[in-house]
Amino acid sequence: MDLSKIAAPLHNLMCKETVWRWGGGQQKAFDELKRRFVEGPILVAANYMCPLCMESDTLNFATGAVLSMLCKDEKWHPCAFLSKGLNDFERNYNMLDKEMLGIICALETWRHYLEGAKHEIDIWMNH
């Protein structure tokens, strides 16, 4: 879905050295994120009794992840989304370390869904 790329103008507003200015780029990013969140895919409530899968991707400036669950219709449906901008130190990590940082962040964020899961949890990344 490239949500982290879309959200980049909003993340950039929070940089320490940046003067906070809401302009056309920020409004466009905000409107596009709203549209994507409302249109779908619709989130399902996580159930630790069902198989779960976590997909993570990291760019040079942000990391994102999706937690999905295998539902009764035999399709994977998203339970939760995560997007986090990287700070100046994290942006200096090599790409594999950035990918691992994204996975660790998602595991920590969704710990309450993942602990006690009855099935092995698949973790996918693109490296």
N, C-alpha and C. Protein backbone atom coordinates (compact mmCIF):
# COMPACT_ATOMS: atom_id res chain seq x y z
N MET A 1 0.81 -1.20 0.00
CA MET A 1 0.00 0.00 0.00
C MET A 1 0.85 1.26 0.00
N ASP A 2 2.14 1.14 0.32
CA ASP A 2 3.07 2.29 0.31
C ASP A 2 2.64 3.40 1.26
N LEU A 3 2.05 3.05 2.38
CA LEU A 3 1.58 4.07 3.32
C LEU A 3 2.73 4.90 3.88
N SER A 4 3.89 4.29 4.09
CA SER A 4 5.01 5.04 4.64
C SER A 4 5.51 6.09 3.65
N LYS A 5 5.46 5.78 2.36
CA LYS A 5 5.86 6.77 1.35
C LYS A 5 4.84 7.92 1.31
N ILE A 6 3.57 7.57 1.38
CA ILE A 6 2.52 8.59 1.35
C ILE A 6 2.63 9.49 2.58
N ALA A 7 2.94 8.89 3.74
CA ALA A 7 2.98 9.64 5.00
C ALA A 7 4.27 10.43 5.20
N ALA A 8 5.25 10.29 4.31
CA ALA A 8 6.55 10.96 4.48
C ALA A 8 6.44 12.47 4.73
N PRO A 9 5.59 13.22 3.99
CA PRO A 9 5.49 14.65 4.27
C PRO A 9 4.99 14.95 5.70
N LEU A 10 4.19 14.05 6.25
CA LEU A 10 3.70 14.24 7.62
C LEU A 10 4.78 13.89 8.64
N HIS A 11 5.53 12.81 8.36
CA HIS A 11 6.64 12.45 9.25
C HIS A 11 7.70 13.55 9.27
N ASN A 12 7.94 14.15 8.12
CA ASN A 12 8.97 15.19 8.03
C ASN A 12 8.65 16.40 8.89
N LEU A 13 7.37 16.64 9.14
CA LEU A 13 6.98 17.76 10.01
C LEU A 13 7.51 17.59 11.43
N MET A 14 7.78 16.36 11.83
CA MET A 14 8.18 16.10 13.21
C MET A 14 9.69 16.07 13.41
N CYS A 15 10.46 16.33 12.38
CA CYS A 15 11.91 16.39 12.51
C CYS A 15 12.30 17.58 13.38
N LYS A 16 13.31 17.38 14.18
CA LYS A 16 13.72 18.38 15.17
C LYS A 16 14.08 19.73 14.54
N GLU A 17 14.76 19.71 13.42
CA GLU A 17 15.24 20.94 12.80
C GLU A 17 14.21 21.59 11.86
N THR A 18 13.08 20.93 11.65
CA THR A 18 12.11 21.40 10.66
C THR A 18 11.13 22.40 11.27
N VAL A 19 10.90 23.48 10.55
CA VAL A 19 9.86 24.43 10.94
C VAL A 19 8.53 23.82 10.52
N TRP A 20 7.57 23.81 11.45
CA TRP A 20 6.28 23.17 11.18
C TRP A 20 5.44 24.06 10.28
N ARG A 21 5.23 23.58 9.05
CA ARG A 21 4.38 24.29 8.09
C ARG A 21 3.48 23.28 7.39
N TRP A 22 2.19 23.52 7.48
CA TRP A 22 1.22 22.65 6.81
C TRP A 22 0.94 23.24 5.43
N GLY A 23 1.37 22.52 4.41
CA GLY A 23 1.18 23.01 3.04
C GLY A 23 0.40 22.01 2.20
N GLY A 24 0.45 22.23 0.92
CA GLY A 24 -0.29 21.38 -0.01
C GLY A 24 0.16 19.93 0.02
N GLY A 25 1.47 19.70 0.16
CA GLY A 25 1.98 18.32 0.20
C GLY A 25 1.49 17.56 1.42
N GLN A 26 1.47 18.24 2.56
CA GLN A 26 0.99 17.61 3.79
C GLN A 26 -0.52 17.32 3.70
N GLN A 27 -1.26 18.28 3.18
CA GLN A 27 -2.71 18.08 3.06
C GLN A 27 -3.03 16.94 2.10
N LYS A 28 -2.27 16.88 1.00
CA LYS A 28 -2.48 15.81 0.02
C LYS A 28 -2.19 14.45 0.66
N ALA A 29 -1.09 14.35 1.42
CA ALA A 29 -0.74 13.10 2.10
C ALA A 29 -1.82 12.71 3.11
N PHE A 30 -2.28 13.68 3.89
CA PHE A 30 -3.32 13.45 4.89
C PHE A 30 -4.61 12.94 4.23
N ASP A 31 -5.03 13.60 3.17
CA ASP A 31 -6.26 13.21 2.47
C ASP A 31 -6.13 11.81 1.85
N GLU A 32 -4.97 11.52 1.29
CA GLU A 32 -4.76 10.21 0.68
C GLU A 32 -4.76 9.10 1.74
N LEU A 33 -4.13 9.35 2.89
CA LEU A 33 -4.15 8.36 3.97
C LEU A 33 -5.57 8.13 4.46
N LYS A 34 -6.33 9.19 4.64
CA LYS A 34 -7.73 9.05 5.07
C LYS A 34 -8.52 8.21 4.07
N ARG A 35 -8.33 8.49 2.79
CA ARG A 35 -9.05 7.76 1.75
C ARG A 35 -8.71 6.28 1.80
N ARG A 36 -7.43 5.97 1.91
CA ARG A 36 -7.01 4.56 1.92
C ARG A 36 -7.49 3.82 3.17
N PHE A 37 -7.49 4.49 4.31
CA PHE A 37 -7.95 3.83 5.53
C PHE A 37 -9.44 3.56 5.50
N VAL A 38 -10.20 4.42 4.88
CA VAL A 38 -11.66 4.27 4.84
C VAL A 38 -12.09 3.26 3.78
N GLU A 39 -11.44 3.28 2.62
CA GLU A 39 -11.84 2.41 1.52
C GLU A 39 -11.58 0.94 1.79
N GLY A 40 -10.60 0.61 2.51
CA GLY A 40 -10.29 -0.80 2.76
C GLY A 40 -8.82 -1.03 2.58
N PRO A 41 -8.35 -2.17 2.86
CA PRO A 41 -9.12 -3.30 3.33
C PRO A 41 -9.64 -3.08 4.75
N ILE A 42 -10.76 -3.68 5.06
CA ILE A 42 -11.38 -3.55 6.36
C ILE A 42 -10.61 -4.41 7.36
N LEU A 43 -10.35 -3.87 8.53
CA LEU A 43 -9.63 -4.61 9.56
C LEU A 43 -10.55 -5.63 10.23
N VAL A 44 -9.99 -6.78 10.57
CA VAL A 44 -10.70 -7.78 11.36
C VAL A 44 -10.09 -7.80 12.76
N ALA A 45 -10.84 -8.23 13.73
CA ALA A 45 -10.33 -8.34 15.10
C ALA A 45 -9.39 -9.53 15.18
N ALA A 46 -8.20 -9.32 15.74
CA ALA A 46 -7.21 -10.39 15.85
C ALA A 46 -7.70 -11.46 16.82
N ASN A 47 -7.42 -12.70 16.47
CA ASN A 47 -7.80 -13.84 17.29
C ASN A 47 -6.59 -14.75 17.39
N TYR A 48 -6.04 -14.91 18.58
CA TYR A 48 -4.81 -15.68 18.74
C TYR A 48 -5.01 -17.18 18.46
N MET A 49 -6.25 -17.61 18.28
CA MET A 49 -6.52 -19.01 17.95
C MET A 49 -6.34 -19.29 16.45
N CYS A 50 -6.31 -18.24 15.65
CA CYS A 50 -6.17 -18.37 14.19
C CYS A 50 -4.72 -18.11 13.78
N PRO A 51 -4.28 -18.65 12.64
CA PRO A 51 -2.93 -18.35 12.15
C PRO A 51 -2.76 -16.86 11.87
N LEU A 52 -1.60 -16.32 12.29
CA LEU A 52 -1.27 -14.92 12.09
C LEU A 52 -0.02 -14.80 11.23
N CYS A 53 0.05 -13.73 10.47
CA CYS A 53 1.21 -13.46 9.62
C CYS A 53 1.55 -11.97 9.74
N MET A 54 2.82 -11.68 9.88
CA MET A 54 3.27 -10.30 9.98
C MET A 54 4.16 -10.00 8.77
N GLU A 55 3.84 -8.91 8.06
CA GLU A 55 4.65 -8.47 6.93
C GLU A 55 5.25 -7.12 7.28
N SER A 56 6.55 -7.00 7.05
CA SER A 56 7.26 -5.77 7.41
C SER A 56 8.08 -5.27 6.23
N ASP A 57 8.15 -3.96 6.09
CA ASP A 57 8.98 -3.36 5.06
C ASP A 57 9.55 -2.05 5.60
N THR A 58 10.78 -1.79 5.28
CA THR A 58 11.44 -0.59 5.76
C THR A 58 12.08 0.15 4.59
N LEU A 59 11.91 1.45 4.60
CA LEU A 59 12.55 2.33 3.63
C LEU A 59 13.64 3.10 4.35
N ASN A 60 14.29 4.01 3.68
CA ASN A 60 15.36 4.78 4.31
C ASN A 60 14.86 5.71 5.40
N PHE A 61 13.59 6.07 5.39
CA PHE A 61 13.08 7.06 6.33
C PHE A 61 11.96 6.56 7.24
N ALA A 62 11.41 5.37 6.96
CA ALA A 62 10.27 4.88 7.75
C ALA A 62 10.18 3.36 7.65
N THR A 63 9.43 2.80 8.59
CA THR A 63 9.16 1.38 8.58
C THR A 63 7.65 1.18 8.71
N GLY A 64 7.17 0.11 8.11
CA GLY A 64 5.75 -0.18 8.18
C GLY A 64 5.53 -1.68 8.27
N ALA A 65 4.37 -2.06 8.81
CA ALA A 65 4.06 -3.48 8.95
C ALA A 65 2.55 -3.68 8.92
N VAL A 66 2.18 -4.92 8.58
CA VAL A 66 0.77 -5.32 8.58
C VAL A 66 0.68 -6.66 9.31
N LEU A 67 -0.25 -6.75 10.23
CA LEU A 67 -0.55 -8.01 10.89
C LEU A 67 -1.83 -8.55 10.27
N SER A 68 -1.76 -9.78 9.74
CA SER A 68 -2.92 -10.38 9.07
C SER A 68 -3.28 -11.70 9.73
N MET A 69 -4.54 -12.11 9.54
CA MET A 69 -5.04 -13.34 10.13
C MET A 69 -5.76 -14.16 9.07
N LEU A 70 -5.56 -15.47 9.11
CA LEU A 70 -6.27 -16.37 8.21
C LEU A 70 -7.68 -16.58 8.76
N CYS A 71 -8.67 -16.16 7.99
CA CYS A 71 -10.07 -16.19 8.45
C CYS A 71 -10.80 -17.42 7.92
N LYS A 72 -12.05 -17.54 8.31
CA LYS A 72 -12.87 -18.70 7.93
C LYS A 72 -13.06 -18.83 6.43
N ASP A 73 -12.96 -17.72 5.70
CA ASP A 73 -13.09 -17.77 4.24
C ASP A 73 -11.80 -18.21 3.55
N GLU A 74 -10.81 -18.65 4.37
CA GLU A 74 -9.51 -19.12 3.88
C GLU A 74 -8.70 -18.02 3.20
N LYS A 75 -8.98 -16.77 3.53
CA LYS A 75 -8.22 -15.63 3.02
C LYS A 75 -7.58 -14.89 4.18
N TRP A 76 -6.46 -14.24 3.88
CA TRP A 76 -5.77 -13.44 4.89
C TRP A 76 -6.38 -12.04 4.92
N HIS A 77 -6.76 -11.59 6.11
CA HIS A 77 -7.34 -10.27 6.29
C HIS A 77 -6.49 -9.49 7.28
N PRO A 78 -6.29 -8.19 7.05
CA PRO A 78 -5.45 -7.39 7.96
C PRO A 78 -6.14 -7.16 9.31
N CYS A 79 -5.34 -7.24 10.37
CA CYS A 79 -5.81 -6.96 11.74
C CYS A 79 -5.32 -5.60 12.22
N ALA A 80 -4.11 -5.23 11.78
CA ALA A 80 -3.51 -3.99 12.27
C ALA A 80 -2.45 -3.51 11.29
N PHE A 81 -2.29 -2.20 11.25
CA PHE A 81 -1.24 -1.56 10.46
C PHE A 81 -0.33 -0.79 11.38
N LEU A 82 0.93 -0.65 10.98
CA LEU A 82 1.90 0.11 11.76
C LEU A 82 2.78 0.91 10.82
N SER A 83 3.02 2.15 11.15
CA SER A 83 3.92 2.99 10.39
C SER A 83 4.70 3.84 11.38
N LYS A 84 6.02 3.88 11.22
CA LYS A 84 6.87 4.63 12.14
C LYS A 84 8.02 5.26 11.38
N GLY A 85 8.20 6.54 11.55
CA GLY A 85 9.34 7.21 10.95
C GLY A 85 10.62 6.87 11.70
N LEU A 86 11.72 6.82 10.97
CA LEU A 86 13.02 6.54 11.60
C LEU A 86 13.66 7.84 12.04
N ASN A 87 14.32 7.81 13.21
CA ASN A 87 15.02 9.01 13.67
C ASN A 87 16.37 9.10 12.97
N ASP A 88 17.11 10.16 13.24
CA ASP A 88 18.38 10.39 12.54
C ASP A 88 19.37 9.25 12.73
N PHE A 89 19.42 8.67 13.93
CA PHE A 89 20.35 7.57 14.19
C PHE A 89 19.93 6.32 13.42
N GLU A 90 18.64 6.03 13.44
CA GLU A 90 18.14 4.83 12.76
C GLU A 90 18.30 4.94 11.25
N ARG A 91 18.24 6.13 10.71
CA ARG A 91 18.41 6.31 9.26
C ARG A 91 19.83 5.96 8.82
N ASN A 92 20.79 5.96 9.76
CA ASN A 92 22.17 5.61 9.45
C ASN A 92 22.43 4.11 9.49
N TYR A 93 21.47 3.31 9.97
CA TYR A 93 21.64 1.86 10.00
C TYR A 93 21.76 1.33 8.57
N ASN A 94 22.46 0.19 8.42
CA ASN A 94 22.45 -0.45 7.10
C ASN A 94 21.07 -1.05 6.87
N MET A 95 20.77 -1.41 5.63
CA MET A 95 19.40 -1.80 5.27
C MET A 95 18.91 -3.02 6.04
N LEU A 96 19.75 -4.02 6.24
CA LEU A 96 19.32 -5.21 6.99
C LEU A 96 18.99 -4.86 8.44
N ASP A 97 19.77 -3.98 9.05
CA ASP A 97 19.47 -3.56 10.41
C ASP A 97 18.17 -2.75 10.48
N LYS A 98 17.91 -1.95 9.44
CA LYS A 98 16.64 -1.21 9.38
C LYS A 98 15.47 -2.18 9.27
N GLU A 99 15.63 -3.22 8.45
CA GLU A 99 14.57 -4.22 8.31
C GLU A 99 14.32 -4.92 9.65
N MET A 100 15.40 -5.28 10.35
CA MET A 100 15.24 -5.94 11.66
C MET A 100 14.61 -4.99 12.67
N LEU A 101 14.96 -3.72 12.62
CA LEU A 101 14.34 -2.73 13.49
C LEU A 101 12.84 -2.68 13.26
N GLY A 102 12.41 -2.73 12.00
CA GLY A 102 10.99 -2.74 11.68
C GLY A 102 10.28 -3.96 12.24
N ILE A 103 10.92 -5.12 12.15
CA ILE A 103 10.33 -6.35 12.68
C ILE A 103 10.21 -6.26 14.20
N ILE A 104 11.27 -5.80 14.85
CA ILE A 104 11.26 -5.69 16.32
C ILE A 104 10.19 -4.70 16.76
N CYS A 105 10.07 -3.59 16.08
CA CYS A 105 9.05 -2.59 16.41
C CYS A 105 7.65 -3.19 16.30
N ALA A 106 7.40 -3.94 15.23
CA ALA A 106 6.09 -4.56 15.04
C ALA A 106 5.83 -5.63 16.11
N LEU A 107 6.84 -6.43 16.42
CA LEU A 107 6.67 -7.46 17.46
C LEU A 107 6.35 -6.82 18.81
N GLU A 108 7.05 -5.74 19.14
CA GLU A 108 6.78 -5.05 20.40
C GLU A 108 5.39 -4.43 20.41
N THR A 109 5.00 -3.81 19.31
CA THR A 109 3.70 -3.15 19.23
C THR A 109 2.56 -4.15 19.33
N TRP A 110 2.70 -5.29 18.68
CA TRP A 110 1.61 -6.27 18.63
C TRP A 110 1.83 -7.43 19.58
N ARG A 111 2.68 -7.25 20.57
CA ARG A 111 2.99 -8.32 21.53
C ARG A 111 1.71 -8.91 22.13
N HIS A 112 0.76 -8.05 22.46
CA HIS A 112 -0.48 -8.51 23.09
C HIS A 112 -1.31 -9.40 22.16
N TYR A 113 -1.13 -9.29 20.86
CA TYR A 113 -1.80 -10.18 19.91
C TYR A 113 -1.01 -11.48 19.72
N LEU A 114 0.31 -11.40 19.80
CA LEU A 114 1.17 -12.50 19.40
C LEU A 114 1.49 -13.49 20.52
N GLU A 115 1.61 -13.00 21.75
CA GLU A 115 1.89 -13.91 22.86
C GLU A 115 0.70 -14.83 23.07
N GLY A 116 0.97 -16.09 23.18
CA GLY A 116 -0.09 -17.06 23.39
C GLY A 116 -0.75 -17.54 22.11
N ALA A 117 -0.24 -17.11 20.96
CA ALA A 117 -0.81 -17.56 19.69
C ALA A 117 -0.71 -19.08 19.59
N LYS A 118 -1.75 -19.70 19.10
CA LYS A 118 -1.81 -21.16 19.03
C LYS A 118 -1.09 -21.73 17.80
N HIS A 119 -0.72 -20.87 16.87
CA HIS A 119 -0.01 -21.30 15.66
C HIS A 119 1.31 -20.53 15.56
N GLU A 120 2.25 -21.10 14.81
CA GLU A 120 3.48 -20.37 14.53
C GLU A 120 3.13 -19.11 13.76
N ILE A 121 3.85 -18.04 14.03
CA ILE A 121 3.60 -16.76 13.36
C ILE A 121 4.62 -16.59 12.25
N ASP A 122 4.14 -16.43 11.03
CA ASP A 122 5.03 -16.17 9.90
C ASP A 122 5.39 -14.70 9.88
N ILE A 123 6.68 -14.43 9.64
CA ILE A 123 7.15 -13.06 9.50
C ILE A 123 7.77 -12.94 8.12
N TRP A 124 7.25 -12.00 7.34
CA TRP A 124 7.71 -11.80 5.97
C TRP A 124 8.37 -10.41 5.85
N MET A 125 9.45 -10.38 5.11
CA MET A 125 10.09 -9.12 4.74
C MET A 125 10.68 -9.29 3.35
N ASN A 126 11.12 -8.22 2.75
CA ASN A 126 11.58 -8.32 1.35
C ASN A 126 13.08 -8.48 1.20
N HIS A 127 13.80 -8.73 2.28
CA HIS A 127 15.25 -8.98 2.18
C HIS A 127 15.56 -10.41 2.55
